[in-house]
Amino acid sequence: MEPSKVIQAMYTDDDVLMSAVKKVKAEKHHIEEIYTPFPVHGLDKAMGLAPTRIAITSFMYGCVGLIVAILMMKFIMIDDWPQDIGGKPSFSYMENMPAFVPIMFELTVFFAAHLMVITFYLRSKMWPFKKAENPDPRTTDDHFLMEIGVHGNEKELTRFLKETGAVEINLIDKAH
């Protein structure tokens, strides 16, 4: 069950944030979300997030691109419109495959890159004209925000977060 109240602790330095995340996790508090203006190296590991599987999807998309390239070139250059280019007749795919390697490489990269970006945006629920979800606009500039679920322990949690280096702490009711 998601808590109806969260504490938002604001930090001004990424190193202080990393230290605070480690302390919060050591105290067994659940971090709901962290908003940062730039990627913080090691933050996902410190939060205990599972590793992403986007590399696996990228490989699969690259395989799809390679298969499309092979089938496309066989159909276009061998079956549909064979041509004698520079004295090299197109009798079979295998005889001409060395000339097709750049096309295979390019379509592999093209499919992997484009489909991976689309997958990332869909998985992150980011699409055109979507309203930003960051709770404080300063998190897009120079501040870092950590949201921690509150279960009737506001005072202790507020005191603890002040000790971790938070410059601002707010209690937010998410029930609305």
N, C-alpha and C. Protein backbone atom coordinates (compact mmCIF):
# COMPACT_ATOMS: atom_id res chain seq x y z
N MET A 1 0.84 -1.18 0.00
CA MET A 1 0.00 0.00 0.00
C MET A 1 0.88 1.24 0.00
N GLU A 2 0.60 2.13 -0.93
CA GLU A 2 1.38 3.36 -1.04
C GLU A 2 0.96 4.34 0.05
N PRO A 3 1.95 4.95 0.73
CA PRO A 3 1.59 5.90 1.79
C PRO A 3 0.91 7.13 1.22
N SER A 4 -0.01 7.72 2.04
CA SER A 4 -0.72 8.91 1.58
C SER A 4 0.11 10.18 1.81
N LYS A 5 1.09 10.09 2.70
CA LYS A 5 1.95 11.23 2.96
C LYS A 5 3.40 10.86 2.66
N VAL A 6 4.13 11.83 2.13
CA VAL A 6 5.56 11.65 1.89
C VAL A 6 6.31 12.85 2.42
N ILE A 7 7.54 12.59 2.79
CA ILE A 7 8.44 13.69 3.15
C ILE A 7 9.34 13.92 1.96
N GLN A 8 9.44 15.17 1.56
CA GLN A 8 10.33 15.55 0.48
C GLN A 8 11.53 16.28 1.07
N ALA A 9 12.69 15.65 0.94
CA ALA A 9 13.93 16.24 1.45
C ALA A 9 14.72 16.77 0.27
N MET A 10 15.09 18.05 0.33
CA MET A 10 15.80 18.71 -0.75
C MET A 10 17.29 18.81 -0.40
N TYR A 11 18.12 18.47 -1.39
CA TYR A 11 19.58 18.52 -1.24
C TYR A 11 20.14 19.40 -2.35
N THR A 12 21.31 20.00 -2.09
CA THR A 12 21.92 20.88 -3.09
C THR A 12 23.20 20.30 -3.68
N ASP A 13 23.59 19.10 -3.25
CA ASP A 13 24.83 18.50 -3.74
C ASP A 13 24.61 17.01 -3.98
N ASP A 14 25.10 16.50 -5.09
CA ASP A 14 24.88 15.09 -5.40
C ASP A 14 25.65 14.15 -4.48
N ASP A 15 26.81 14.56 -3.99
CA ASP A 15 27.55 13.72 -3.05
C ASP A 15 26.83 13.60 -1.71
N VAL A 16 26.25 14.71 -1.27
CA VAL A 16 25.47 14.69 -0.02
C VAL A 16 24.23 13.82 -0.22
N LEU A 17 23.61 13.91 -1.40
CA LEU A 17 22.44 13.07 -1.70
C LEU A 17 22.81 11.59 -1.64
N MET A 18 23.92 11.21 -2.27
CA MET A 18 24.35 9.80 -2.27
C MET A 18 24.58 9.30 -0.84
N SER A 19 25.23 10.12 -0.05
CA SER A 19 25.48 9.76 1.35
C SER A 19 24.15 9.61 2.09
N ALA A 20 23.21 10.52 1.84
CA ALA A 20 21.90 10.48 2.50
C ALA A 20 21.13 9.24 2.08
N VAL A 21 21.18 8.87 0.82
CA VAL A 21 20.47 7.68 0.34
C VAL A 21 21.01 6.44 1.05
N LYS A 22 22.31 6.35 1.19
CA LYS A 22 22.90 5.20 1.88
C LYS A 22 22.46 5.14 3.34
N LYS A 23 22.41 6.31 4.00
CA LYS A 23 21.99 6.36 5.41
C LYS A 23 20.51 6.00 5.55
N VAL A 24 19.68 6.52 4.63
CA VAL A 24 18.24 6.23 4.67
C VAL A 24 17.99 4.75 4.45
N LYS A 25 18.67 4.15 3.48
CA LYS A 25 18.51 2.71 3.22
C LYS A 25 19.02 1.88 4.41
N ALA A 26 20.09 2.35 5.06
CA ALA A 26 20.63 1.64 6.22
C ALA A 26 19.62 1.64 7.37
N GLU A 27 18.81 2.68 7.47
CA GLU A 27 17.78 2.78 8.51
C GLU A 27 16.48 2.08 8.11
N LYS A 28 16.47 1.43 6.94
CA LYS A 28 15.34 0.64 6.44
C LYS A 28 14.10 1.48 6.09
N HIS A 29 14.32 2.72 5.67
CA HIS A 29 13.22 3.54 5.17
C HIS A 29 13.08 3.30 3.67
N HIS A 30 11.83 3.36 3.19
CA HIS A 30 11.59 3.13 1.76
C HIS A 30 11.59 4.47 1.01
N ILE A 31 12.50 4.60 0.05
CA ILE A 31 12.57 5.79 -0.78
C ILE A 31 11.58 5.61 -1.93
N GLU A 32 10.59 6.50 -2.00
CA GLU A 32 9.58 6.42 -3.06
C GLU A 32 10.18 6.81 -4.41
N GLU A 33 10.88 7.95 -4.45
CA GLU A 33 11.43 8.45 -5.71
C GLU A 33 12.52 9.47 -5.40
N ILE A 34 13.43 9.64 -6.36
CA ILE A 34 14.44 10.70 -6.27
C ILE A 34 14.43 11.46 -7.58
N TYR A 35 14.41 12.77 -7.49
CA TYR A 35 14.41 13.65 -8.66
C TYR A 35 15.73 14.39 -8.70
N THR A 36 16.44 14.29 -9.83
CA THR A 36 17.75 14.93 -9.97
C THR A 36 17.80 15.71 -11.29
N PRO A 37 18.60 16.78 -11.33
CA PRO A 37 18.72 17.55 -12.58
C PRO A 37 19.62 16.87 -13.62
N PHE A 38 20.40 15.90 -13.20
CA PHE A 38 21.28 15.16 -14.11
C PHE A 38 21.48 13.75 -13.54
N PRO A 39 21.89 12.79 -14.37
CA PRO A 39 22.10 11.44 -13.84
C PRO A 39 23.20 11.42 -12.79
N VAL A 40 22.94 10.75 -11.69
CA VAL A 40 23.92 10.61 -10.61
C VAL A 40 24.45 9.19 -10.65
N HIS A 41 25.73 9.05 -10.93
CA HIS A 41 26.34 7.73 -11.07
C HIS A 41 26.25 6.94 -9.77
N GLY A 42 25.73 5.72 -9.86
CA GLY A 42 25.64 4.85 -8.70
C GLY A 42 24.38 5.01 -7.87
N LEU A 43 23.52 5.96 -8.23
CA LEU A 43 22.30 6.21 -7.44
C LEU A 43 21.35 5.02 -7.50
N ASP A 44 21.22 4.42 -8.67
CA ASP A 44 20.31 3.27 -8.81
C ASP A 44 20.77 2.11 -7.92
N LYS A 45 22.06 1.89 -7.85
CA LYS A 45 22.60 0.81 -7.01
C LYS A 45 22.40 1.15 -5.53
N ALA A 46 22.64 2.40 -5.17
CA ALA A 46 22.47 2.82 -3.77
C ALA A 46 21.01 2.71 -3.34
N MET A 47 20.08 2.95 -4.26
CA MET A 47 18.65 2.84 -3.94
C MET A 47 18.19 1.39 -3.91
N GLY A 48 18.99 0.49 -4.46
CA GLY A 48 18.61 -0.92 -4.50
C GLY A 48 17.67 -1.26 -5.65
N LEU A 49 17.73 -0.47 -6.71
CA LEU A 49 16.87 -0.73 -7.87
C LEU A 49 17.41 -1.91 -8.67
N ALA A 50 16.51 -2.66 -9.27
CA ALA A 50 16.90 -3.79 -10.11
C ALA A 50 17.57 -3.28 -11.38
N PRO A 51 18.54 -4.03 -11.92
CA PRO A 51 19.19 -3.58 -13.16
C PRO A 51 18.19 -3.56 -14.32
N THR A 52 18.42 -2.65 -15.24
CA THR A 52 17.54 -2.50 -16.39
C THR A 52 17.78 -3.62 -17.41
N ARG A 53 16.73 -3.93 -18.17
CA ARG A 53 16.84 -4.96 -19.21
C ARG A 53 16.84 -4.33 -20.61
N ILE A 54 17.09 -3.04 -20.69
CA ILE A 54 17.01 -2.38 -21.99
C ILE A 54 18.11 -2.86 -22.94
N ALA A 55 19.24 -3.32 -22.40
CA ALA A 55 20.31 -3.84 -23.26
C ALA A 55 19.86 -5.11 -23.98
N ILE A 56 19.07 -5.93 -23.29
CA ILE A 56 18.56 -7.16 -23.91
C ILE A 56 17.61 -6.80 -25.04
N THR A 57 16.72 -5.83 -24.80
CA THR A 57 15.80 -5.42 -25.87
C THR A 57 16.57 -4.81 -27.03
N SER A 58 17.63 -4.08 -26.73
CA SER A 58 18.44 -3.49 -27.80
C SER A 58 19.05 -4.57 -28.68
N PHE A 59 19.55 -5.63 -28.06
CA PHE A 59 20.11 -6.74 -28.82
C PHE A 59 19.04 -7.39 -29.71
N MET A 60 17.86 -7.59 -29.14
CA MET A 60 16.77 -8.21 -29.92
C MET A 60 16.36 -7.30 -31.09
N TYR A 61 16.31 -6.00 -30.85
CA TYR A 61 15.97 -5.06 -31.92
C TYR A 61 17.04 -5.07 -33.01
N GLY A 62 18.32 -5.17 -32.60
CA GLY A 62 19.40 -5.27 -33.57
C GLY A 62 19.27 -6.53 -34.42
N CYS A 63 18.89 -7.64 -33.80
CA CYS A 63 18.67 -8.89 -34.56
C CYS A 63 17.53 -8.73 -35.56
N VAL A 64 16.47 -8.05 -35.15
CA VAL A 64 15.36 -7.79 -36.08
C VAL A 64 15.85 -6.95 -37.26
N GLY A 65 16.67 -5.93 -36.98
CA GLY A 65 17.23 -5.10 -38.04
C GLY A 65 18.10 -5.89 -38.99
N LEU A 66 18.91 -6.80 -38.46
CA LEU A 66 19.77 -7.64 -39.30
C LEU A 66 18.92 -8.55 -40.20
N ILE A 67 17.88 -9.15 -39.64
CA ILE A 67 17.01 -10.02 -40.43
C ILE A 67 16.29 -9.22 -41.51
N VAL A 68 15.80 -8.04 -41.17
CA VAL A 68 15.14 -7.18 -42.17
C VAL A 68 16.12 -6.83 -43.28
N ALA A 69 17.36 -6.50 -42.92
CA ALA A 69 18.37 -6.14 -43.92
C ALA A 69 18.64 -7.31 -44.87
N ILE A 70 18.82 -8.50 -44.31
CA ILE A 70 19.11 -9.68 -45.14
C ILE A 70 17.96 -9.98 -46.08
N LEU A 71 16.75 -10.00 -45.55
CA LEU A 71 15.58 -10.29 -46.38
C LEU A 71 15.35 -9.21 -47.44
N MET A 72 15.53 -7.95 -47.05
CA MET A 72 15.34 -6.84 -47.98
C MET A 72 16.34 -6.92 -49.13
N MET A 73 17.62 -7.12 -48.81
CA MET A 73 18.64 -7.16 -49.85
C MET A 73 18.46 -8.38 -50.76
N LYS A 74 18.08 -9.52 -50.18
CA LYS A 74 17.86 -10.69 -51.02
C LYS A 74 16.71 -10.44 -51.98
N PHE A 75 15.64 -9.87 -51.49
CA PHE A 75 14.50 -9.62 -52.37
C PHE A 75 14.84 -8.57 -53.44
N ILE A 76 15.42 -7.44 -53.01
CA ILE A 76 15.68 -6.34 -53.95
C ILE A 76 16.79 -6.68 -54.94
N MET A 77 17.93 -7.16 -54.44
CA MET A 77 19.11 -7.31 -55.29
C MET A 77 19.22 -8.67 -56.00
N ILE A 78 18.53 -9.68 -55.49
CA ILE A 78 18.65 -11.01 -56.09
C ILE A 78 17.35 -11.43 -56.79
N ASP A 79 16.24 -11.36 -56.08
CA ASP A 79 14.97 -11.87 -56.62
C ASP A 79 14.25 -10.88 -57.54
N ASP A 80 14.07 -9.66 -57.07
CA ASP A 80 13.21 -8.72 -57.78
C ASP A 80 13.90 -8.00 -58.94
N TRP A 81 15.08 -7.47 -58.72
CA TRP A 81 15.74 -6.63 -59.71
C TRP A 81 17.23 -6.93 -59.79
N PRO A 82 17.62 -8.14 -60.20
CA PRO A 82 19.06 -8.46 -60.26
C PRO A 82 19.76 -7.65 -61.36
N GLN A 83 20.92 -7.15 -61.02
CA GLN A 83 21.66 -6.33 -61.98
C GLN A 83 23.11 -6.79 -62.04
N ASP A 84 23.71 -6.59 -63.20
CA ASP A 84 25.12 -6.87 -63.39
C ASP A 84 25.85 -5.56 -63.12
N ILE A 85 26.38 -5.40 -61.89
CA ILE A 85 27.02 -4.15 -61.50
C ILE A 85 28.53 -4.36 -61.54
N GLY A 86 29.22 -3.64 -62.40
CA GLY A 86 30.68 -3.74 -62.50
C GLY A 86 31.16 -5.13 -62.88
N GLY A 87 30.39 -5.83 -63.68
CA GLY A 87 30.79 -7.16 -64.12
C GLY A 87 30.57 -8.25 -63.08
N LYS A 88 29.84 -7.92 -62.00
CA LYS A 88 29.57 -8.90 -60.96
C LYS A 88 28.08 -9.24 -60.99
N PRO A 89 27.72 -10.31 -61.63
CA PRO A 89 26.29 -10.66 -61.72
C PRO A 89 25.72 -11.10 -60.37
N SER A 90 24.44 -10.85 -60.18
CA SER A 90 23.76 -11.18 -58.92
C SER A 90 23.04 -12.50 -59.06
N PHE A 91 23.80 -13.61 -59.12
CA PHE A 91 23.16 -14.92 -59.25
C PHE A 91 22.71 -15.46 -57.90
N SER A 92 23.48 -15.16 -56.85
CA SER A 92 23.11 -15.68 -55.53
C SER A 92 23.44 -14.66 -54.46
N TYR A 93 22.77 -14.79 -53.35
CA TYR A 93 22.99 -13.88 -52.21
C TYR A 93 24.39 -14.07 -51.64
N MET A 94 24.82 -15.30 -51.48
CA MET A 94 26.11 -15.58 -50.84
C MET A 94 27.29 -15.03 -51.63
N GLU A 95 27.20 -15.03 -52.96
CA GLU A 95 28.30 -14.47 -53.76
C GLU A 95 28.44 -12.97 -53.55
N ASN A 96 27.33 -12.31 -53.26
CA ASN A 96 27.33 -10.85 -53.13
C ASN A 96 27.29 -10.36 -51.69
N MET A 97 27.29 -11.28 -50.73
CA MET A 97 27.15 -10.87 -49.34
C MET A 97 28.22 -9.89 -48.86
N PRO A 98 29.49 -10.01 -49.22
CA PRO A 98 30.47 -9.01 -48.75
C PRO A 98 30.08 -7.58 -49.11
N ALA A 99 29.44 -7.38 -50.24
CA ALA A 99 29.02 -6.03 -50.62
C ALA A 99 27.84 -5.55 -49.77
N PHE A 100 27.12 -6.49 -49.15
CA PHE A 100 25.93 -6.15 -48.37
C PHE A 100 26.23 -5.90 -46.89
N VAL A 101 27.44 -6.18 -46.44
CA VAL A 101 27.78 -6.05 -45.02
C VAL A 101 27.53 -4.63 -44.49
N PRO A 102 27.92 -3.56 -45.20
CA PRO A 102 27.62 -2.22 -44.66
C PRO A 102 26.12 -1.97 -44.46
N ILE A 103 25.30 -2.47 -45.39
CA ILE A 103 23.86 -2.29 -45.26
C ILE A 103 23.34 -3.07 -44.05
N MET A 104 23.84 -4.28 -43.86
CA MET A 104 23.43 -5.08 -42.71
C MET A 104 23.80 -4.39 -41.40
N PHE A 105 25.02 -3.85 -41.36
CA PHE A 105 25.47 -3.15 -40.15
C PHE A 105 24.59 -1.93 -39.87
N GLU A 106 24.37 -1.12 -40.90
CA GLU A 106 23.60 0.11 -40.72
C GLU A 106 22.17 -0.16 -40.27
N LEU A 107 21.51 -1.15 -40.86
CA LEU A 107 20.14 -1.44 -40.45
C LEU A 107 20.07 -2.06 -39.06
N THR A 108 21.10 -2.81 -38.68
CA THR A 108 21.15 -3.35 -37.32
C THR A 108 21.21 -2.21 -36.32
N VAL A 109 22.10 -1.26 -36.55
CA VAL A 109 22.23 -0.11 -35.66
C VAL A 109 20.98 0.76 -35.69
N PHE A 110 20.43 0.98 -36.88
CA PHE A 110 19.23 1.81 -37.03
C PHE A 110 18.06 1.24 -36.22
N PHE A 111 17.79 -0.05 -36.40
CA PHE A 111 16.67 -0.67 -35.68
C PHE A 111 16.91 -0.66 -34.18
N ALA A 112 18.12 -1.03 -33.76
CA ALA A 112 18.42 -1.08 -32.32
C ALA A 112 18.26 0.30 -31.70
N ALA A 113 18.80 1.33 -32.32
CA ALA A 113 18.76 2.67 -31.73
C ALA A 113 17.33 3.22 -31.69
N HIS A 114 16.64 3.17 -32.80
CA HIS A 114 15.31 3.78 -32.84
C HIS A 114 14.29 3.03 -31.99
N LEU A 115 14.29 1.72 -32.07
CA LEU A 115 13.33 0.96 -31.28
C LEU A 115 13.66 1.01 -29.79
N MET A 116 14.94 1.11 -29.45
CA MET A 116 15.32 1.23 -28.05
C MET A 116 14.84 2.57 -27.47
N VAL A 117 14.96 3.64 -28.22
CA VAL A 117 14.49 4.95 -27.75
C VAL A 117 12.97 4.92 -27.57
N ILE A 118 12.26 4.34 -28.53
CA ILE A 118 10.80 4.24 -28.41
C ILE A 118 10.42 3.40 -27.19
N THR A 119 11.11 2.29 -26.98
CA THR A 119 10.85 1.44 -25.82
C THR A 119 11.12 2.18 -24.52
N PHE A 120 12.22 2.92 -24.48
CA PHE A 120 12.56 3.69 -23.28
C PHE A 120 11.46 4.70 -22.96
N TYR A 121 11.01 5.44 -23.97
CA TYR A 121 9.96 6.44 -23.72
C TYR A 121 8.65 5.80 -23.29
N LEU A 122 8.27 4.69 -23.91
CA LEU A 122 7.03 4.02 -23.52
C LEU A 122 7.15 3.43 -22.11
N ARG A 123 8.30 2.82 -21.81
CA ARG A 123 8.50 2.21 -20.50
C ARG A 123 8.53 3.28 -19.41
N SER A 124 9.06 4.44 -19.72
CA SER A 124 9.13 5.54 -18.76
C SER A 124 7.84 6.36 -18.73
N LYS A 125 6.89 5.98 -19.56
CA LYS A 125 5.62 6.71 -19.69
C LYS A 125 5.85 8.17 -20.04
N MET A 126 6.76 8.38 -20.98
CA MET A 126 7.05 9.73 -21.48
C MET A 126 6.59 9.78 -22.93
N TRP A 127 5.72 10.69 -23.23
CA TRP A 127 5.26 10.87 -24.60
C TRP A 127 5.04 12.35 -24.83
N PRO A 128 4.88 12.75 -26.09
CA PRO A 128 4.73 14.17 -26.38
C PRO A 128 3.55 14.79 -25.61
N PHE A 129 3.75 15.99 -25.16
CA PHE A 129 2.75 16.81 -24.47
C PHE A 129 2.38 16.28 -23.08
N LYS A 130 3.20 15.38 -22.53
CA LYS A 130 2.93 14.88 -21.19
C LYS A 130 3.36 15.94 -20.18
N LYS A 131 2.53 16.14 -19.18
CA LYS A 131 2.84 17.11 -18.13
C LYS A 131 3.98 16.57 -17.27
N ALA A 132 4.91 17.42 -16.91
CA ALA A 132 6.05 17.02 -16.07
C ALA A 132 5.56 16.54 -14.71
N GLU A 133 6.22 15.54 -14.16
CA GLU A 133 5.82 14.96 -12.89
C GLU A 133 6.73 15.38 -11.73
N ASN A 134 7.75 16.14 -12.00
CA ASN A 134 8.64 16.50 -10.91
C ASN A 134 7.90 17.46 -9.96
N PRO A 135 7.97 17.19 -8.65
CA PRO A 135 7.20 17.97 -7.69
C PRO A 135 7.73 19.37 -7.43
N ASP A 136 8.97 19.63 -7.77
CA ASP A 136 9.57 20.94 -7.53
C ASP A 136 10.39 21.33 -8.75
N PRO A 137 10.12 22.48 -9.36
CA PRO A 137 10.87 22.85 -10.57
C PRO A 137 12.37 23.04 -10.35
N ARG A 138 12.80 23.22 -9.13
CA ARG A 138 14.24 23.36 -8.86
C ARG A 138 15.01 22.08 -9.16
N THR A 139 14.29 20.93 -9.22
CA THR A 139 14.97 19.67 -9.51
C THR A 139 15.41 19.57 -10.96
N THR A 140 15.00 20.50 -11.80
CA THR A 140 15.49 20.53 -13.18
C THR A 140 16.67 21.47 -13.33
N ASP A 141 17.03 22.15 -12.25
CA ASP A 141 18.11 23.14 -12.32
C ASP A 141 19.33 22.70 -11.48
N ASP A 142 19.20 22.78 -10.15
CA ASP A 142 20.37 22.52 -9.32
C ASP A 142 20.07 21.87 -7.98
N HIS A 143 18.85 21.35 -7.78
CA HIS A 143 18.49 20.72 -6.51
C HIS A 143 18.15 19.25 -6.72
N PHE A 144 18.27 18.49 -5.66
CA PHE A 144 17.97 17.06 -5.67
C PHE A 144 16.90 16.81 -4.62
N LEU A 145 15.88 16.03 -4.99
CA LEU A 145 14.75 15.81 -4.08
C LEU A 145 14.55 14.32 -3.85
N MET A 146 14.43 13.95 -2.57
CA MET A 146 14.19 12.56 -2.19
C MET A 146 12.82 12.49 -1.52
N GLU A 147 11.97 11.59 -2.03
CA GLU A 147 10.66 11.37 -1.42
C GLU A 147 10.68 10.07 -0.64
N ILE A 148 10.26 10.17 0.63
CA ILE A 148 10.23 9.00 1.51
C ILE A 148 8.82 8.87 2.07
N GLY A 149 8.27 7.67 2.00
CA GLY A 149 6.94 7.41 2.53
C GLY A 149 6.90 7.57 4.03
N VAL A 150 5.81 8.18 4.53
CA VAL A 150 5.65 8.42 5.96
C VAL A 150 4.58 7.48 6.50
N HIS A 151 4.89 6.82 7.60
CA HIS A 151 3.94 5.91 8.24
C HIS A 151 3.81 6.29 9.72
N GLY A 152 3.44 7.55 9.97
CA GLY A 152 3.27 8.02 11.34
C GLY A 152 4.57 8.36 12.04
N ASN A 153 5.67 8.50 11.31
CA ASN A 153 6.97 8.78 11.93
C ASN A 153 7.57 10.09 11.39
N GLU A 154 6.71 11.12 11.22
CA GLU A 154 7.18 12.37 10.60
C GLU A 154 8.30 13.04 11.37
N LYS A 155 8.13 13.14 12.70
CA LYS A 155 9.10 13.89 13.51
C LYS A 155 10.49 13.23 13.48
N GLU A 156 10.51 11.91 13.70
CA GLU A 156 11.82 11.22 13.70
C GLU A 156 12.46 11.28 12.32
N LEU A 157 11.63 11.10 11.30
CA LEU A 157 12.15 11.11 9.92
C LEU A 157 12.67 12.50 9.54
N THR A 158 11.96 13.53 9.96
CA THR A 158 12.39 14.91 9.67
C THR A 158 13.74 15.18 10.34
N ARG A 159 13.84 14.80 11.61
CA ARG A 159 15.10 15.01 12.34
C ARG A 159 16.24 14.24 11.68
N PHE A 160 15.95 12.97 11.32
CA PHE A 160 16.96 12.12 10.68
C PHE A 160 17.43 12.73 9.35
N LEU A 161 16.48 13.21 8.54
CA LEU A 161 16.85 13.77 7.23
C LEU A 161 17.64 15.07 7.37
N LYS A 162 17.35 15.86 8.41
CA LYS A 162 18.15 17.07 8.66
C LYS A 162 19.60 16.67 8.93
N GLU A 163 19.78 15.58 9.67
CA GLU A 163 21.14 15.10 9.99
C GLU A 163 21.88 14.62 8.75
N THR A 164 21.14 14.17 7.71
CA THR A 164 21.80 13.68 6.49
C THR A 164 22.23 14.81 5.57
N GLY A 165 21.84 16.05 5.89
CA GLY A 165 22.27 17.19 5.08
C GLY A 165 21.19 17.82 4.24
N ALA A 166 19.93 17.50 4.49
CA ALA A 166 18.83 18.10 3.73
C ALA A 166 18.74 19.58 4.06
N VAL A 167 18.59 20.42 3.04
CA VAL A 167 18.50 21.86 3.25
C VAL A 167 17.05 22.32 3.41
N GLU A 168 16.11 21.47 2.99
CA GLU A 168 14.70 21.81 3.10
C GLU A 168 13.92 20.50 3.20
N ILE A 169 12.95 20.47 4.11
CA ILE A 169 12.13 19.27 4.29
C ILE A 169 10.66 19.68 4.31
N ASN A 170 9.84 19.01 3.50
CA ASN A 170 8.41 19.31 3.43
C ASN A 170 7.60 18.03 3.57
N LEU A 171 6.49 18.11 4.30
CA LEU A 171 5.56 17.01 4.42
C LEU A 171 4.44 17.24 3.42
N ILE A 172 4.24 16.30 2.49
CA ILE A 172 3.26 16.46 1.42
C ILE A 172 2.20 15.36 1.55
N ASP A 173 0.93 15.76 1.43
CA ASP A 173 -0.17 14.81 1.44
C ASP A 173 -0.50 14.47 -0.01
N LYS A 174 -0.30 13.22 -0.38
CA LYS A 174 -0.54 12.79 -1.76
C LYS A 174 -1.93 12.21 -1.96
N ALA A 175 -2.80 12.34 -0.99
CA ALA A 175 -4.12 11.74 -1.08
C ALA A 175 -4.99 12.44 -2.12
N HIS A 176 -4.71 13.69 -2.40
CA HIS A 176 -5.55 14.42 -3.38
C HIS A 176 -5.18 14.12 -4.79
